[in-house]
Amino acid sequence: MTFSVRRFVNRRFLAAALAVVAAAPLVTAQAASETLAWQSSRQMVLVITPDWNADHGVLRAYERNGEGWKPVVKAQAVTVGRAGSAWGIGLNEPQGDGPQKHEGDGRAAAGVYRVGAVFGYAAKIATHMPYEAMQDTDWCVDVDGSPYYNQIVDSKKVGEKAVEGSSEPMRRDLHLDGDQRYKIGFVIEHNAKGKPGGGSCIFAHLWKSPTDATAGCTAMPEPVMQQLLAWMKPEEQPVFVLLPQSEYARLQATWHLPALGSQP
């Protein structure tokens, strides 16, 4: 299945973003035989940005069979961290080149990550993934040093003091004047073990507009998010990958990532 970009998307923004992918060289070298933590994953959401400091990129999605990666979602412009991206803590080995993510840096997490729970405002939605309906007492704790750092918690269960200082209410519509950005989304499992200062609350969620960057998440139009949530399945072990163009070109073969040269 595919998705055509809706008319309301800023066409100039998308054209510029697509040029990033078109310019990326196609790596044809034999992939290394190293064992990858995501080698059994059969679904991938992929975002490529122009460089480390870009606040936008291109999203595609792929599924893998015996013939390799097959595109299932056409190119879609997305926004990422307002300061760009930086290497996060995920499934890949630590990388030496490029900035390293830390709390409050305004950068999206670059690397490979498990797709975690789906969340939203409604009691239930159309998805095969584990879904959590958020309440007005649910918060993602971004307070470095908290025992609940980088966790979504219910303040009714952990206490109001446990979420004191957190800037991430999961019901943004109720806490932030009807904000719809967390209406539907999914957790990107960055820093899953909660390393202090490593960065927290990294999600894929709805965008405010095609030109509004995020505090470190990846944002997209609602129809694209709906398609991803209906397509992903836990048994396929979906992963989320975000890389700047230069790093994608360098790692495409050894990380067994989709080749982009002939894709729509």
Protein backbone atom coordinates (compact mmCIF):
# COMPACT_ATOMS: atom_id res chain seq x y z
CA MET A 1 0.00 0.00 0.00
CA THR A 2 1.17 3.54 -0.67
CA PHE A 3 0.22 7.03 0.32
CA SER A 4 0.14 10.11 -1.88
CA VAL A 5 1.04 13.34 -0.11
CA ARG A 6 -2.07 15.41 0.55
CA ARG A 7 -2.49 18.81 -1.03
CA PHE A 8 -2.14 20.74 2.18
CA VAL A 9 1.51 19.70 2.52
CA ASN A 10 3.88 22.52 1.64
CA ARG A 11 5.04 21.37 -1.82
CA ARG A 12 8.21 23.47 -1.77
CA PHE A 13 9.15 22.01 1.60
CA LEU A 14 8.62 18.45 0.32
CA ALA A 15 10.53 19.07 -2.91
CA ALA A 16 13.52 20.34 -0.97
CA ALA A 17 13.38 17.38 1.36
CA LEU A 18 13.16 14.88 -1.49
CA ALA A 19 16.26 16.40 -3.07
CA VAL A 20 18.18 15.30 0.00
CA VAL A 21 17.42 11.64 -0.66
CA ALA A 22 17.98 11.89 -4.40
CA ALA A 23 21.46 13.27 -3.79
CA ALA A 24 22.50 10.42 -1.51
CA PRO A 25 24.90 8.04 -3.26
CA LEU A 26 23.77 4.44 -3.61
CA VAL A 27 26.19 2.15 -1.78
CA THR A 28 26.84 -1.07 -3.68
CA ALA A 29 29.64 -2.58 -1.59
CA GLN A 30 29.05 -6.05 -0.13
CA ALA A 31 27.40 -5.70 3.29
CA ALA A 32 29.43 -6.90 6.24
CA SER A 33 28.40 -10.14 7.91
CA GLU A 34 28.21 -8.61 11.38
CA THR A 35 25.24 -9.49 13.57
CA LEU A 36 22.82 -6.60 13.87
CA ALA A 37 20.38 -6.20 16.74
CA TRP A 38 17.62 -5.46 14.23
CA GLN A 39 18.43 -8.17 11.67
CA SER A 40 15.17 -10.01 12.38
CA SER A 41 13.05 -6.86 11.95
CA ARG A 42 10.79 -6.93 8.91
CA GLN A 43 9.33 -3.42 9.09
CA MET A 44 11.26 -0.16 9.08
CA VAL A 45 10.26 3.49 9.35
CA LEU A 46 13.14 5.47 7.86
CA VAL A 47 13.89 9.19 8.13
CA ILE A 48 16.80 10.84 6.33
CA THR A 49 17.78 14.45 7.01
CA PRO A 50 20.08 16.71 4.93
CA ASP A 51 22.70 17.03 7.69
CA TRP A 52 23.17 17.03 11.46
CA ASN A 53 21.68 20.50 11.90
CA ALA A 54 18.61 20.16 9.64
CA ASP A 55 15.21 20.40 11.34
CA HIS A 56 13.40 18.50 8.56
CA GLY A 57 13.79 15.32 6.53
CA VAL A 58 12.10 12.66 4.42
CA LEU A 59 10.20 9.68 5.83
CA ARG A 60 9.61 6.38 4.04
CA ALA A 61 8.54 2.97 5.33
CA TYR A 62 9.65 -0.47 4.16
CA GLU A 63 8.88 -4.10 4.75
CA ARG A 64 11.38 -6.91 4.23
CA ASN A 65 10.91 -10.27 2.58
CA GLY A 66 13.25 -12.76 0.90
CA GLU A 67 13.96 -10.25 -1.87
CA GLY A 68 15.01 -7.43 0.43
CA TRP A 69 13.35 -4.19 1.48
CA LYS A 70 10.19 -3.13 -0.36
CA PRO A 71 8.78 0.43 -0.01
CA VAL A 72 5.23 0.62 1.36
CA VAL A 73 4.95 4.36 2.14
CA LYS A 74 6.03 6.94 -0.42
CA ALA A 75 8.32 9.82 0.50
CA GLN A 76 6.82 12.24 2.99
CA ALA A 77 8.28 15.45 4.36
CA VAL A 78 8.61 15.45 8.16
CA THR A 79 10.02 17.74 10.79
CA VAL A 80 12.54 16.74 13.46
CA GLY A 81 14.41 18.46 16.27
CA ARG A 82 14.72 22.23 16.05
CA ALA A 83 18.50 21.89 16.49
CA GLY A 84 18.78 18.93 14.11
CA SER A 85 19.79 15.43 15.22
CA ALA A 86 22.49 13.67 17.25
CA TRP A 87 23.54 10.09 17.96
CA GLY A 88 21.19 8.62 20.55
CA ILE A 89 21.18 5.42 22.58
CA GLY A 90 19.52 2.66 20.60
CA LEU A 91 20.16 -0.71 18.95
CA ASN A 92 23.27 0.31 17.02
CA GLU A 93 26.77 0.46 18.43
CA PRO A 94 27.89 3.94 19.56
CA GLN A 95 29.19 6.09 16.71
CA GLY A 96 32.13 8.46 17.07
CA ASP A 97 31.33 11.01 14.37
CA GLY A 98 28.62 13.60 14.82
CA PRO A 99 27.07 15.16 17.94
CA GLN A 100 25.93 13.02 20.86
CA LYS A 101 22.38 13.48 22.16
CA HIS A 102 21.76 14.80 25.64
CA GLU A 103 18.80 16.09 27.60
CA GLY A 104 17.40 19.40 26.42
CA ASP A 105 19.56 19.74 23.30
CA GLY A 106 16.59 20.06 20.93
CA ARG A 107 17.97 17.31 18.68
CA ALA A 108 16.25 14.20 17.32
CA ALA A 109 17.85 10.86 18.17
CA ALA A 110 19.87 9.46 15.25
CA GLY A 111 20.38 5.70 15.02
CA VAL A 112 18.20 2.57 15.04
CA TYR A 113 15.44 2.10 17.63
CA ARG A 114 12.64 -0.29 18.46
CA VAL A 115 9.15 1.08 17.92
CA GLY A 116 7.52 1.10 21.33
CA ALA A 117 3.93 1.54 22.45
CA VAL A 118 1.41 3.53 20.44
CA PHE A 119 -0.39 6.27 22.36
CA GLY A 120 -3.22 8.68 21.75
CA TYR A 121 -6.22 10.56 23.04
CA ALA A 122 -8.94 8.12 21.95
CA ALA A 123 -9.99 5.03 23.90
CA LYS A 124 -8.84 2.87 20.99
CA ILE A 125 -7.53 3.32 17.45
CA ALA A 126 -6.88 1.21 14.35
CA THR A 127 -3.53 -0.43 15.11
CA HIS A 128 -2.06 -3.87 15.72
CA MET A 129 0.56 -2.39 18.05
CA PRO A 130 0.16 -2.20 21.84
CA TYR A 131 -1.92 0.92 22.45
CA GLU A 132 -2.20 3.12 25.52
CA ALA A 133 -5.00 5.66 25.79
CA MET A 134 -3.55 8.68 27.56
CA GLN A 135 -5.33 10.41 30.45
CA ASP A 136 -4.94 13.91 31.84
CA THR A 137 -2.73 12.50 34.61
CA ASP A 138 -0.23 10.81 32.25
CA TRP A 139 3.18 12.46 31.85
CA CYS A 140 6.48 11.59 30.23
CA VAL A 141 9.14 12.50 32.78
CA ASP A 142 11.95 14.57 31.27
CA VAL A 143 13.43 15.63 34.60
CA ASP A 144 17.02 14.43 34.70
CA GLY A 145 17.72 12.62 37.97
CA SER A 146 14.14 11.49 38.52
CA PRO A 147 13.66 7.76 39.21
CA TYR A 148 11.00 7.92 36.46
CA TYR A 149 13.26 9.64 33.92
CA ASN A 150 12.24 8.83 30.32
CA GLN A 151 9.11 6.94 31.41
CA ILE A 152 5.42 7.64 30.83
CA VAL A 153 3.76 7.54 34.23
CA ASP A 154 0.36 8.22 35.76
CA SER A 155 0.62 10.86 38.46
CA LYS A 156 -2.37 9.27 40.22
CA LYS A 157 -0.18 6.20 40.78
CA VAL A 158 3.28 7.70 41.32
CA GLY A 159 2.18 10.95 42.97
CA GLU A 160 2.11 14.55 41.77
CA LYS A 161 5.59 15.22 43.13
CA ALA A 162 7.04 12.53 40.86
CA VAL A 163 6.08 14.51 37.74
CA GLU A 164 6.88 17.93 39.17
CA GLY A 165 8.95 19.92 36.67
CA SER A 166 8.14 17.70 33.72
CA SER A 167 7.33 19.50 30.48
CA GLU A 168 5.66 16.56 28.71
CA PRO A 169 1.95 16.09 29.48
CA MET A 170 0.68 13.25 27.28
CA ARG A 171 -2.73 14.91 26.98
CA ARG A 172 -1.52 18.11 25.36
CA ASP A 173 -5.07 18.86 24.32
CA LEU A 174 -6.10 19.20 27.97
CA HIS A 175 -2.95 20.88 29.30
CA LEU A 176 -1.90 23.04 26.35
CA ASP A 177 -4.94 24.73 24.85
CA GLY A 178 -6.22 21.90 22.67
CA ASP A 179 -2.84 20.93 21.17
CA GLN A 180 -3.36 17.89 18.88
CA ARG A 181 0.25 16.82 18.37
CA TYR A 182 -0.07 13.78 20.67
CA LYS A 183 -3.51 12.81 19.35
CA ILE A 184 -1.80 9.72 17.90
CA GLY A 185 1.85 8.71 17.96
CA PHE A 186 4.35 6.09 19.01
CA VAL A 187 7.32 5.83 21.29
CA ILE A 188 10.78 5.72 19.72
CA GLU A 189 12.73 3.62 22.23
CA HIS A 190 15.69 5.93 22.63
CA ASN A 191 17.63 5.61 25.91
CA ALA A 192 15.34 2.78 27.00
CA LYS A 193 17.33 2.19 30.19
CA GLY A 194 17.06 5.83 31.23
CA LYS A 195 20.75 6.79 31.26
CA PRO A 196 20.92 10.08 33.20
CA GLY A 197 21.17 13.05 30.87
CA GLY A 198 20.92 10.83 27.78
CA GLY A 199 17.71 12.37 26.49
CA SER A 200 14.08 11.50 27.06
CA CYS A 201 10.56 11.37 25.67
CA ILE A 202 11.41 10.80 22.01
CA PHE A 203 8.25 10.15 19.99
CA ALA A 204 6.85 10.13 16.50
CA HIS A 205 3.73 12.32 16.58
CA LEU A 206 1.60 14.70 14.52
CA TRP A 207 3.07 17.95 13.32
CA LYS A 208 1.71 21.40 14.06
CA SER A 209 2.60 22.49 10.53
CA PRO A 210 5.07 21.50 7.79
CA THR A 211 7.54 24.11 9.03
CA ASP A 212 7.26 23.70 12.82
CA ALA A 213 10.22 21.73 14.19
CA THR A 214 10.10 19.76 17.45
CA ALA A 215 12.03 19.48 20.70
CA GLY A 216 13.56 16.19 19.49
CA CYS A 217 10.70 14.10 18.10
CA THR A 218 9.73 13.33 14.50
CA ALA A 219 6.47 14.95 13.38
CA MET A 220 4.26 14.23 10.37
CA PRO A 221 0.73 14.73 8.95
CA GLU A 222 -2.07 12.70 10.52
CA PRO A 223 -2.86 10.56 7.42
CA VAL A 224 0.74 9.34 7.30
CA MET A 225 0.73 8.50 11.00
CA GLN A 226 -2.57 6.64 10.62
CA GLN A 227 -1.13 4.59 7.79
CA LEU A 228 1.98 3.69 9.77
CA LEU A 229 -0.03 2.66 12.84
CA ALA A 230 -2.38 0.49 10.79
CA TRP A 231 0.57 -1.16 9.00
CA MET A 232 3.00 -1.91 11.85
CA LYS A 233 2.71 -5.25 13.65
CA PRO A 234 4.54 -6.37 16.81
CA GLU A 235 5.46 -9.74 15.30
CA GLU A 236 7.33 -7.93 12.50
CA GLN A 237 9.53 -6.19 15.12
CA PRO A 238 9.32 -2.72 13.55
CA VAL A 239 12.24 -0.34 13.94
CA PHE A 240 12.64 3.40 13.50
CA VAL A 241 15.79 4.66 11.80
CA LEU A 242 16.90 8.30 11.58
CA LEU A 243 20.16 9.33 9.94
CA PRO A 244 21.66 12.36 8.21
CA GLN A 245 22.28 11.82 4.50
CA SER A 246 26.07 11.39 4.85
CA GLU A 247 25.72 8.79 7.62
CA TYR A 248 23.10 6.88 5.64
CA ALA A 249 25.41 6.69 2.65
CA ARG A 250 28.23 5.46 4.90
CA LEU A 251 26.19 2.85 6.78
CA GLN A 252 23.60 1.66 4.24
CA ALA A 253 25.46 -1.51 3.24
CA THR A 254 26.86 -2.59 6.61
CA TRP A 255 23.59 -1.92 8.43
CA HIS A 256 21.53 -3.69 5.72
CA LEU A 257 19.37 -0.61 5.15
CA PRO A 258 17.15 -0.09 2.08
CA ALA A 259 18.85 1.11 -1.09
CA LEU A 260 17.32 4.40 -2.16
CA GLY A 261 18.59 4.92 -5.69
CA SER A 262 15.56 3.54 -7.53
CA GLN A 263 12.82 4.22 -5.01
CA PRO A 264 9.87 6.57 -5.71
